[in-house]
Amino acid sequence: MQHVYVSYLFIEKKYLINIKDTVMFKTILYIFIFFSLVIASERQNILDVLENYNEAFGNSDYSDIVNYFDYPTSFNLQDKTIVAFGRFKLKLIYKKIRGDLPDYYSYSKWDEIDIQLIDDSIAIVNAKFSRYKNDDTIYDSGAAQYHMRLISNEWKIFSLTPYVTIETLD
């Protein structure tokens, strides 16, 4: 009789361990799913900002372009850095950039966008794009690195660096 009683306790203890393991597994799974959704949501928020910025650029909507930036904003070119401390200077910069494009420029499309979250409020985006003519043919391609900051639940660009290639130095 005693043997049966010990067996019964062993079965219940084993059952409790399995319940603990199952609860632990479910908890870890829920945490993983939660953070996956948060990251996916942040990725989509960043992509939305970049799409809206790109559309404003294509439409020469300088009043809208400046809404996607945090100030001061830096444009890191090969030979110098240009800093815009406010909306007015940024509009002038974009009028110059957009004005230097050929008359047949129609719009741009993102070809590739890689996003790295540095922490919960800073992201680095490496983006490749193509520029199209009025007849929907590509006439130019380029790439830029955007540093973005989360401010009041909105991602804003605070630094932009055009580049041809990025090399990793060992």
Protein backbone atom coordinates (compact mmCIF):
# COMPACT_ATOMS: atom_id res chain seq x y z
CA MET A 1 0.00 0.00 0.00
CA GLN A 2 2.77 2.38 0.84
CA HIS A 3 4.38 1.72 -2.51
CA VAL A 4 1.24 2.80 -4.36
CA TYR A 5 1.06 6.01 -2.31
CA VAL A 6 4.71 6.96 -3.17
CA SER A 7 4.03 6.25 -6.83
CA TYR A 8 1.00 8.48 -6.71
CA LEU A 9 3.07 11.36 -5.24
CA PHE A 10 5.74 10.86 -7.86
CA ILE A 11 3.18 11.06 -10.65
CA GLU A 12 1.67 14.24 -9.24
CA LYS A 13 5.09 15.84 -8.77
CA LYS A 14 6.05 14.96 -12.33
CA TYR A 15 2.73 16.37 -13.53
CA LEU A 16 3.42 19.61 -11.62
CA ILE A 17 6.84 19.88 -13.21
CA ASN A 18 5.28 19.45 -16.64
CA ILE A 19 2.75 22.18 -15.83
CA LYS A 20 5.60 24.48 -14.71
CA ASP A 21 7.53 23.73 -17.91
CA THR A 22 4.43 24.39 -20.01
CA VAL A 23 3.69 27.68 -18.23
CA MET A 24 7.35 28.73 -18.59
CA PHE A 25 7.34 27.83 -22.28
CA LYS A 26 4.09 29.73 -22.89
CA THR A 27 5.40 32.76 -21.01
CA ILE A 28 8.60 32.81 -23.05
CA LEU A 29 6.60 32.32 -26.23
CA TYR A 30 4.25 35.21 -25.39
CA ILE A 31 7.20 37.49 -24.58
CA PHE A 32 8.89 36.53 -27.86
CA ILE A 33 5.69 37.18 -29.84
CA PHE A 34 5.14 40.50 -28.07
CA PHE A 35 8.63 41.79 -28.84
CA SER A 36 8.43 40.47 -32.41
CA LEU A 37 5.24 42.44 -32.92
CA VAL A 38 6.73 45.56 -31.33
CA ILE A 39 9.79 45.36 -33.58
CA ALA A 40 7.65 44.67 -36.65
CA SER A 41 5.49 47.64 -35.72
CA GLU A 42 8.52 49.93 -35.31
CA ARG A 43 9.88 48.71 -38.65
CA GLN A 44 6.56 49.55 -40.31
CA ASN A 45 6.48 52.98 -38.64
CA ILE A 46 9.96 53.75 -39.99
CA LEU A 47 9.02 52.48 -43.46
CA ASP A 48 5.90 54.66 -43.43
CA VAL A 49 7.94 57.76 -42.60
CA LEU A 50 10.43 56.98 -45.38
CA GLU A 51 7.62 56.37 -47.90
CA ASN A 52 5.91 59.64 -47.00
CA TYR A 53 9.22 61.52 -47.13
CA ASN A 54 9.98 59.99 -50.54
CA GLU A 55 6.55 60.95 -51.87
CA ALA A 56 6.96 64.54 -50.63
CA PHE A 57 10.40 64.67 -52.29
CA GLY A 58 8.97 63.42 -55.60
CA ASN A 59 6.20 66.03 -55.43
CA SER A 60 8.60 68.86 -54.50
CA ASP A 61 6.46 69.40 -51.40
CA TYR A 62 9.06 71.19 -49.29
CA SER A 63 6.55 72.13 -46.59
CA ASP A 64 5.84 68.44 -46.09
CA ILE A 65 9.45 67.23 -46.41
CA VAL A 66 10.51 69.23 -43.36
CA ASN A 67 7.93 67.40 -41.21
CA TYR A 68 10.02 64.20 -41.40
CA PHE A 69 13.09 65.75 -39.75
CA ASP A 70 14.37 66.54 -36.27
CA TYR A 71 16.60 69.56 -35.84
CA PRO A 72 19.41 70.17 -36.13
CA THR A 73 19.68 67.92 -39.18
CA SER A 74 23.01 67.10 -40.81
CA PHE A 75 23.73 66.21 -44.43
CA ASN A 76 27.09 64.45 -44.42
CA LEU A 77 28.59 64.81 -47.88
CA GLN A 78 32.02 63.54 -48.99
CA ASP A 79 33.69 66.93 -48.65
CA LYS A 80 31.58 68.71 -46.02
CA THR A 81 28.68 68.53 -43.60
CA ILE A 82 25.72 70.84 -44.04
CA VAL A 83 23.59 71.47 -40.97
CA ALA A 84 20.02 72.75 -40.97
CA PHE A 85 19.02 74.19 -37.62
CA GLY A 86 15.42 74.75 -38.65
CA ARG A 87 12.69 74.26 -41.22
CA PHE A 88 13.61 77.28 -43.36
CA LYS A 89 17.21 76.15 -43.96
CA LEU A 90 16.04 72.59 -44.63
CA LYS A 91 13.56 73.84 -47.26
CA LEU A 92 16.40 75.72 -48.98
CA ILE A 93 18.58 72.61 -48.97
CA TYR A 94 15.82 70.51 -50.52
CA LYS A 95 15.00 73.16 -53.12
CA LYS A 96 18.67 72.99 -54.15
CA ILE A 97 18.76 69.16 -54.16
CA ARG A 98 15.48 68.87 -56.06
CA GLY A 99 16.37 71.75 -58.38
CA ASP A 100 19.60 70.01 -59.40
CA LEU A 101 17.68 66.99 -60.70
CA PRO A 102 17.05 66.84 -64.46
CA ASP A 103 13.72 68.03 -65.88
CA TYR A 104 12.77 64.46 -66.78
CA TYR A 105 12.91 63.34 -63.11
CA SER A 106 9.48 62.03 -62.13
CA TYR A 107 9.76 60.06 -58.87
CA SER A 108 11.95 57.79 -56.75
CA LYS A 109 11.38 54.31 -55.37
CA TRP A 110 13.10 52.47 -52.57
CA ASP A 111 14.91 49.37 -53.84
CA GLU A 112 16.16 48.09 -50.51
CA ILE A 113 15.80 49.26 -46.92
CA ASP A 114 17.77 47.76 -44.02
CA ILE A 115 16.87 48.97 -40.53
CA GLN A 116 18.91 48.58 -37.36
CA LEU A 117 17.42 49.59 -34.03
CA ILE A 118 20.21 50.90 -31.84
CA ASP A 119 17.88 51.26 -28.88
CA ASP A 120 14.20 52.05 -28.42
CA SER A 121 14.59 55.57 -29.84
CA ILE A 122 17.44 55.50 -32.39
CA ALA A 123 17.49 53.69 -35.73
CA ILE A 124 20.02 53.53 -38.55
CA VAL A 125 18.56 52.94 -41.98
CA ASN A 126 20.60 52.00 -45.05
CA ALA A 127 18.44 52.60 -48.09
CA LYS A 128 18.99 52.11 -51.81
CA PHE A 129 16.76 53.93 -54.26
CA SER A 130 16.18 54.44 -57.96
CA ARG A 131 15.13 57.61 -59.71
CA TYR A 132 12.70 57.38 -62.60
CA LYS A 133 11.97 59.42 -65.70
CA ASN A 134 8.49 60.45 -66.79
CA ASP A 135 8.34 57.31 -68.99
CA ASP A 136 8.89 55.08 -65.88
CA THR A 137 12.45 54.09 -66.81
CA ILE A 138 15.28 54.25 -64.30
CA TYR A 139 17.90 56.88 -65.03
CA ASP A 140 19.84 56.90 -61.73
CA SER A 141 20.33 54.89 -58.54
CA GLY A 142 21.82 55.79 -55.22
CA ALA A 143 22.01 54.98 -51.54
CA ALA A 144 21.93 56.86 -48.27
CA GLN A 145 22.19 56.19 -44.58
CA TYR A 146 19.51 57.82 -42.46
CA HIS A 147 19.81 58.22 -38.71
CA MET A 148 16.38 58.46 -37.16
CA ARG A 149 15.10 59.32 -33.70
CA LEU A 150 11.76 58.49 -32.11
CA ILE A 151 10.21 61.71 -30.82
CA SER A 152 6.68 61.75 -29.39
CA ASN A 153 5.97 58.37 -31.03
CA GLU A 154 7.10 59.61 -34.48
CA TRP A 155 10.31 58.66 -36.26
CA LYS A 156 12.27 61.67 -37.53
CA ILE A 157 15.44 61.89 -39.64
CA PHE A 158 18.27 63.77 -37.93
CA SER A 159 21.19 62.82 -40.18
CA LEU A 160 21.51 61.81 -43.83
CA THR A 161 24.66 60.48 -45.50
CA PRO A 162 24.66 59.59 -49.21
CA TYR A 163 27.06 56.77 -50.14
CA VAL A 164 28.09 54.48 -52.96
CA THR A 165 29.14 51.46 -50.91
CA ILE A 166 29.75 50.67 -47.26
CA GLU A 167 32.89 48.74 -46.45
CA THR A 168 33.38 46.81 -43.25
CA LEU A 169 36.91 47.21 -41.93
CA ASP A 170 38.34 44.27 -40.01
